[in-house]
C-alpha atoms as a PDB file:
ATOM      1  CA  UNK A   1       7.373 -10.253 -11.539  1.00  0.00           C
ATOM      2  CA  UNK A   2       7.250 -13.764 -12.775  1.00  0.00           C
ATOM      3  CA  UNK A   3       3.721 -15.307 -12.752  1.00  0.00           C
ATOM      4  CA  UNK A   4       2.487 -18.396 -14.629  1.00  0.00           C
ATOM      5  CA  UNK A   5      -1.038 -18.577 -15.981  1.00  0.00           C
ATOM      6  CA  UNK A   6      -2.532 -21.928 -16.810  1.00  0.00           C
ATOM      7  CA  UNK A   7      -5.186 -21.343 -19.474  1.00  0.00           C
ATOM      8  CA  UNK A   8      -6.387 -24.912 -19.229  1.00  0.00           C
ATOM      9  CA  UNK A   9      -6.959 -24.729 -15.499  1.00  0.00           C
ATOM     10  CA  UNK A  10     -10.553 -24.701 -14.111  1.00  0.00           C
ATOM     11  CA  UNK A  11      -9.427 -21.915 -11.754  1.00  0.00           C
ATOM     12  CA  UNK A  12     -10.174 -18.395 -13.115  1.00  0.00           C
ATOM     13  CA  UNK A  13      -7.134 -16.435 -14.245  1.00  0.00           C
ATOM     14  CA  UNK A  14      -7.728 -13.629 -11.715  1.00  0.00           C
ATOM     15  CA  UNK A  15      -7.615 -16.209  -8.835  1.00  0.00           C
ATOM     16  CA  UNK A  16      -4.343 -17.603 -10.342  1.00  0.00           C
ATOM     17  CA  UNK A  17      -2.817 -14.149 -10.331  1.00  0.00           C
ATOM     18  CA  UNK A  18      -3.991 -13.407  -6.848  1.00  0.00           C
ATOM     19  CA  UNK A  19      -2.793 -16.742  -5.322  1.00  0.00           C
ATOM     20  CA  UNK A  20       0.611 -16.282  -6.811  1.00  0.00           C
ATOM     21  CA  UNK A  21       1.049 -12.771  -5.652  1.00  0.00           C
ATOM     22  CA  UNK A  22      -0.322 -13.669  -2.149  1.00  0.00           C
ATOM     23  CA  UNK A  23       2.171 -16.560  -2.011  1.00  0.00           C
ATOM     24  CA  UNK A  24       5.077 -14.260  -2.998  1.00  0.00           C
ATOM     25  CA  UNK A  25       4.079 -11.924  -0.234  1.00  0.00           C
ATOM     26  CA  UNK A  26       3.621 -14.567   2.385  1.00  0.00           C
ATOM     27  CA  UNK A  27       6.991 -16.205   1.511  1.00  0.00           C
ATOM     28  CA  UNK A  28       8.797 -12.823   1.717  1.00  0.00           C
ATOM     29  CA  UNK A  29       9.610 -12.616  -2.023  1.00  0.00           C
ATOM     30  CA  UNK A  30       7.658  -9.438  -2.157  1.00  0.00           C
ATOM     31  CA  UNK A  31       8.393  -7.266   0.832  1.00  0.00           C
ATOM     32  CA  UNK A  32       6.412  -4.465   2.442  1.00  0.00           C
ATOM     33  CA  UNK A  33       6.077  -1.355   0.280  1.00  0.00           C
ATOM     34  CA  UNK A  34       7.190  -3.160  -2.833  1.00  0.00           C
ATOM     35  CA  UNK A  35       5.499  -1.581  -5.923  1.00  0.00           C
ATOM     36  CA  UNK A  36       3.566  -4.074  -7.996  1.00  0.00           C
ATOM     37  CA  UNK A  37       3.437  -3.769 -11.787  1.00  0.00           C
ATOM     38  CA  UNK A  38       0.637  -1.456 -12.997  1.00  0.00           C
ATOM     39  CA  UNK A  39      -2.590  -3.241 -14.084  1.00  0.00           C
ATOM     40  CA  UNK A  40      -1.871  -2.500 -17.732  1.00  0.00           C
ATOM     41  CA  UNK A  41       1.728  -3.658 -17.567  1.00  0.00           C
ATOM     42  CA  UNK A  42       0.901  -6.940 -15.889  1.00  0.00           C
ATOM     43  CA  UNK A  43      -2.007  -7.538 -18.175  1.00  0.00           C
ATOM     44  CA  UNK A  44       0.290  -6.968 -21.180  1.00  0.00           C
ATOM     45  CA  UNK A  45       2.922  -9.209 -19.763  1.00  0.00           C
ATOM     46  CA  UNK A  46       0.552 -12.000 -19.049  1.00  0.00           C
ATOM     47  CA  UNK A  47      -1.486 -11.470 -22.216  1.00  0.00           C
ATOM     48  CA  UNK A  48      -4.746 -11.124 -20.372  1.00  0.00           C
ATOM     49  CA  UNK A  49      -7.389  -8.440 -19.988  1.00  0.00           C
ATOM     50  CA  UNK A  50      -6.600  -5.473 -17.736  1.00  0.00           C
ATOM     51  CA  UNK A  51      -9.980  -6.139 -16.081  1.00  0.00           C
ATOM     52  CA  UNK A  52      -8.727  -9.523 -15.077  1.00  0.00           C
ATOM     53  CA  UNK A  53      -5.648  -8.089 -13.385  1.00  0.00           C
ATOM     54  CA  UNK A  54      -7.714  -5.312 -11.814  1.00  0.00           C
ATOM     55  CA  UNK A  55     -10.047  -7.957 -10.315  1.00  0.00           C
ATOM     56  CA  UNK A  56      -7.003  -9.808  -8.886  1.00  0.00           C
ATOM     57  CA  UNK A  57      -5.641  -6.611  -7.389  1.00  0.00           C
ATOM     58  CA  UNK A  58      -8.977  -5.616  -5.951  1.00  0.00           C
ATOM     59  CA  UNK A  59      -9.273  -9.066  -4.185  1.00  0.00           C
ATOM     60  CA  UNK A  60      -5.750  -8.690  -2.831  1.00  0.00           C
ATOM     61  CA  UNK A  61      -6.504  -5.291  -1.550  1.00  0.00           C
ATOM     62  CA  UNK A  62      -9.773  -6.444   0.163  1.00  0.00           C
ATOM     63  CA  UNK A  63      -7.786  -9.237   1.823  1.00  0.00           C
ATOM     64  CA  UNK A  64      -5.261  -6.707   3.079  1.00  0.00           C
ATOM     65  CA  UNK A  65      -2.285  -7.879   1.069  1.00  0.00           C
ATOM     66  CA  UNK A  66      -1.862  -4.783  -1.056  1.00  0.00           C
ATOM     67  CA  UNK A  67      -2.698  -1.109  -0.955  1.00  0.00           C
ATOM     68  CA  UNK A  68      -3.526   0.853  -4.061  1.00  0.00           C
ATOM     69  CA  UNK A  69      -2.778   4.602  -4.105  1.00  0.00           C
ATOM     70  CA  UNK A  70      -4.693   6.385  -6.857  1.00  0.00           C
ATOM     71  CA  UNK A  71      -2.200   7.775  -9.426  1.00  0.00           C
ATOM     72  CA  UNK A  72       0.795   6.115  -7.750  1.00  0.00           C
ATOM     73  CA  UNK A  73       0.129   2.349  -8.106  1.00  0.00           C
ATOM     74  CA  UNK A  74      -0.292  -0.757  -5.962  1.00  0.00           C
ATOM     75  CA  UNK A  75       2.105  -1.666  -3.137  1.00  0.00           C
ATOM     76  CA  UNK A  76       2.535  -4.565  -0.800  1.00  0.00           C
ATOM     77  CA  UNK A  77       0.747  -3.610   2.390  1.00  0.00           C
ATOM     78  CA  UNK A  78       2.317  -3.733   5.865  1.00  0.00           C
ATOM     79  CA  UNK A  79       2.898  -7.387   6.712  1.00  0.00           C
ATOM     80  CA  UNK A  80       0.299  -8.292   9.286  1.00  0.00           C
ATOM     81  CA  UNK A  81       1.989 -11.295  10.879  1.00  0.00           C
ATOM     82  CA  UNK A  82      -1.189 -12.479  12.633  1.00  0.00           C
ATOM     83  CA  UNK A  83      -3.073 -12.452   9.325  1.00  0.00           C
ATOM     84  CA  UNK A  84      -0.215 -14.237   7.553  1.00  0.00           C
ATOM     85  CA  UNK A  85      -0.145 -16.883  10.275  1.00  0.00           C
ATOM     86  CA  UNK A  86      -3.890 -17.397  10.046  1.00  0.00           C
ATOM     87  CA  UNK A  87      -3.636 -17.876   6.290  1.00  0.00           C
ATOM     88  CA  UNK A  88      -1.021 -20.517   6.747  1.00  0.00           C
ATOM     89  CA  UNK A  89      -3.082 -22.298   9.335  1.00  0.00           C
ATOM     90  CA  UNK A  90      -6.005 -22.375   6.932  1.00  0.00           C
ATOM     91  CA  UNK A  91      -3.771 -24.009   4.340  1.00  0.00           C
ATOM     92  CA  UNK A  92      -2.679 -26.613   6.798  1.00  0.00           C
ATOM     93  CA  UNK A  93      -6.300 -27.327   7.815  1.00  0.00           C
ATOM     94  CA  UNK A  94      -7.281 -27.672   4.142  1.00  0.00           C
ATOM     95  CA  UNK A  95      -4.424 -30.120   3.531  1.00  0.00           C
ATOM     96  CA  UNK A  96      -5.282 -32.239   6.573  1.00  0.00           C
ATOM     97  CA  UNK A  97      -8.882 -32.363   5.474  1.00  0.00           C
ATOM     98  CA  UNK A  98      -7.866 -33.521   2.057  1.00  0.00           C
ATOM     99  CA  UNK A  99      -5.600 -36.201   3.567  1.00  0.00           C
ATOM    100  CA  UNK A 100      -8.409 -37.469   5.795  1.00  0.00           C
ATOM    101  CA  UNK A 101     -10.842 -37.598   2.738  1.00  0.00           C
ATOM    102  CA  UNK A 102      -8.211 -39.600   0.844  1.00  0.00           C
ATOM    103  CA  UNK A 103      -7.774 -42.001   3.727  1.00  0.00           C
ATOM    104  CA  UNK A 104     -11.500 -42.589   4.031  1.00  0.00           C
ATOM    105  CA  UNK A 105     -11.836 -43.039   0.343  1.00  0.00           C
ATOM    106  CA  UNK A 106      -9.483 -45.943   0.461  1.00  0.00           C
ATOM    107  CA  UNK A 107     -11.307 -47.509   3.407  1.00  0.00           C
ATOM    108  CA  UNK A 108      -9.117 -46.323   6.389  1.00  0.00           C
ATOM    109  CA  UNK A 109     -10.961 -45.966   9.639  1.00  0.00           C
ATOM    110  CA  UNK A 110     -10.703 -42.939  11.929  1.00  0.00           C
ATOM    111  CA  UNK A 111      -8.521 -45.069  14.245  1.00  0.00           C
ATOM    112  CA  UNK A 112      -6.151 -45.955  11.406  1.00  0.00           C
ATOM    113  CA  UNK A 113      -5.948 -42.329  10.218  1.00  0.00           C
ATOM    114  CA  UNK A 114      -5.253 -41.183  13.811  1.00  0.00           C
ATOM    115  CA  UNK A 115      -2.518 -43.880  14.270  1.00  0.00           C
ATOM    116  CA  UNK A 116      -0.882 -42.838  10.975  1.00  0.00           C
ATOM    117  CA  UNK A 117      -1.042 -39.178  12.020  1.00  0.00           C
ATOM    118  CA  UNK A 118       0.630 -39.989  15.346  1.00  0.00           C
ATOM    119  CA  UNK A 119       3.411 -41.947  13.614  1.00  0.00           C
ATOM    120  CA  UNK A 120       4.035 -38.999  11.294  1.00  0.00           C
ATOM    121  CA  UNK A 121       4.089 -36.542  14.160  1.00  0.00           C
ATOM    122  CA  UNK A 122       6.846 -38.663  15.909  1.00  0.00           C
ATOM    123  CA  UNK A 123       9.155 -38.442  12.943  1.00  0.00           C
END
């Protein structure tokens, strides 16, 4: 599994790992029941601590993206389409909030932002 770790990022490494695996699951690159690399293997490949990978896997399991079977490994969980859709909606909401903040920071009024949004929706 190809993951890219940015050591100069302010984002913790375990979050970078989790986000990339979550994205691969949501985009269908990792399908249901796919076995993930073991904690030790992924840690060795990424040259990070096994505890860092374990923390990422634990977070993914808590979010329902993966299931860990003791002695067998970690697997992509059954794809809960409602959950996946909700996650994508959260991303859209965050992107819209960021766009609104940018618009306000350059002096755009709510009316101007709304008009721009309507123009973009029409395209």
